[in-house]
Amino acid sequence: MELKEMKERVLSKISGRIVSALEDVTEVIKHD
């Protein structure tokens, strides 16, 4: 596997987690 592919996979995983975390935060704010 190329280094570039690994970097892209890691970045997509991290961004996916950030997005889901932000969605959780917005849900909490809405309920409040």
N, C-alpha and C. Protein backbone atom coordinates (compact mmCIF):
# COMPACT_ATOMS: atom_id res chain seq x y z
N MET A 1 0.84 -1.21 0.00
CA MET A 1 0.00 0.00 0.00
C MET A 1 0.88 1.26 0.00
N GLU A 2 0.46 2.25 -0.76
CA GLU A 2 1.23 3.48 -0.83
C GLU A 2 1.00 4.35 0.40
N LEU A 3 1.99 5.18 0.69
CA LEU A 3 1.88 6.07 1.84
C LEU A 3 0.74 7.06 1.64
N LYS A 4 0.56 7.52 0.40
CA LYS A 4 -0.50 8.49 0.12
C LYS A 4 -1.87 7.88 0.43
N GLU A 5 -2.06 6.62 0.06
CA GLU A 5 -3.35 5.96 0.31
C GLU A 5 -3.60 5.85 1.81
N MET A 6 -2.56 5.51 2.56
CA MET A 6 -2.71 5.39 4.02
C MET A 6 -3.09 6.73 4.62
N LYS A 7 -2.43 7.79 4.18
CA LYS A 7 -2.74 9.12 4.71
C LYS A 7 -4.19 9.48 4.43
N GLU A 8 -4.65 9.20 3.20
CA GLU A 8 -6.03 9.55 2.85
C GLU A 8 -7.02 8.76 3.69
N ARG A 9 -6.71 7.48 3.94
CA ARG A 9 -7.61 6.66 4.76
C ARG A 9 -7.68 7.19 6.19
N VAL A 10 -6.52 7.53 6.74
CA VAL A 10 -6.48 8.06 8.11
C VAL A 10 -7.25 9.37 8.19
N LEU A 11 -7.04 10.23 7.20
CA LEU A 11 -7.72 11.53 7.21
C LEU A 11 -9.23 11.35 7.12
N SER A 12 -9.68 10.42 6.27
CA SER A 12 -11.12 10.22 6.13
C SER A 12 -11.70 9.65 7.42
N LYS A 13 -10.95 8.78 8.10
CA LYS A 13 -11.42 8.24 9.38
C LYS A 13 -11.54 9.35 10.41
N ILE A 14 -10.52 10.19 10.49
CA ILE A 14 -10.52 11.29 11.48
C ILE A 14 -11.65 12.26 11.19
N SER A 15 -11.79 12.66 9.92
CA SER A 15 -12.85 13.62 9.58
C SER A 15 -14.22 13.02 9.85
N GLY A 16 -14.37 11.72 9.61
CA GLY A 16 -15.65 11.07 9.88
C GLY A 16 -15.98 11.12 11.36
N ARG A 17 -14.97 10.89 12.20
CA ARG A 17 -15.20 10.94 13.65
C ARG A 17 -15.53 12.36 14.09
N ILE A 18 -14.85 13.33 13.52
CA ILE A 18 -15.12 14.74 13.88
C ILE A 18 -16.55 15.10 13.52
N VAL A 19 -16.99 14.68 12.33
CA VAL A 19 -18.35 15.00 11.88
C VAL A 19 -19.38 14.37 12.82
N SER A 20 -19.17 13.10 13.17
CA SER A 20 -20.13 12.44 14.06
C SER A 20 -20.13 13.09 15.44
N ALA A 21 -18.97 13.52 15.91
CA ALA A 21 -18.89 14.19 17.20
C ALA A 21 -19.63 15.52 17.15
N LEU A 22 -19.45 16.26 16.06
CA LEU A 22 -20.15 17.55 15.92
C LEU A 22 -21.66 17.33 15.88
N GLU A 23 -22.09 16.26 15.21
CA GLU A 23 -23.53 15.98 15.14
C GLU A 23 -24.07 15.68 16.54
N ASP A 24 -23.30 14.93 17.33
CA ASP A 24 -23.73 14.64 18.71
C ASP A 24 -23.86 15.94 19.50
N VAL A 25 -22.90 16.83 19.34
CA VAL A 25 -22.93 18.10 20.07
C VAL A 25 -24.15 18.92 19.67
N THR A 26 -24.44 18.99 18.38
CA THR A 26 -25.59 19.79 17.93
C THR A 26 -26.89 19.18 18.45
N GLU A 27 -26.95 17.86 18.54
CA GLU A 27 -28.15 17.21 19.07
C GLU A 27 -28.35 17.61 20.53
N VAL A 28 -27.26 17.61 21.29
CA VAL A 28 -27.34 17.98 22.71
C VAL A 28 -27.81 19.43 22.85
N ILE A 29 -27.28 20.30 22.00
CA ILE A 29 -27.66 21.72 22.08
C ILE A 29 -29.13 21.89 21.73
N LYS A 30 -29.61 21.16 20.73
CA LYS A 30 -31.02 21.28 20.33
C LYS A 30 -31.94 20.86 21.47
N HIS A 31 -31.58 19.77 22.15
CA HIS A 31 -32.44 19.27 23.24
C HIS A 31 -32.46 20.23 24.42
N ASP A 32 -31.42 21.03 24.53
CA ASP A 32 -31.32 21.94 25.67
C ASP A 32 -32.12 23.19 25.45
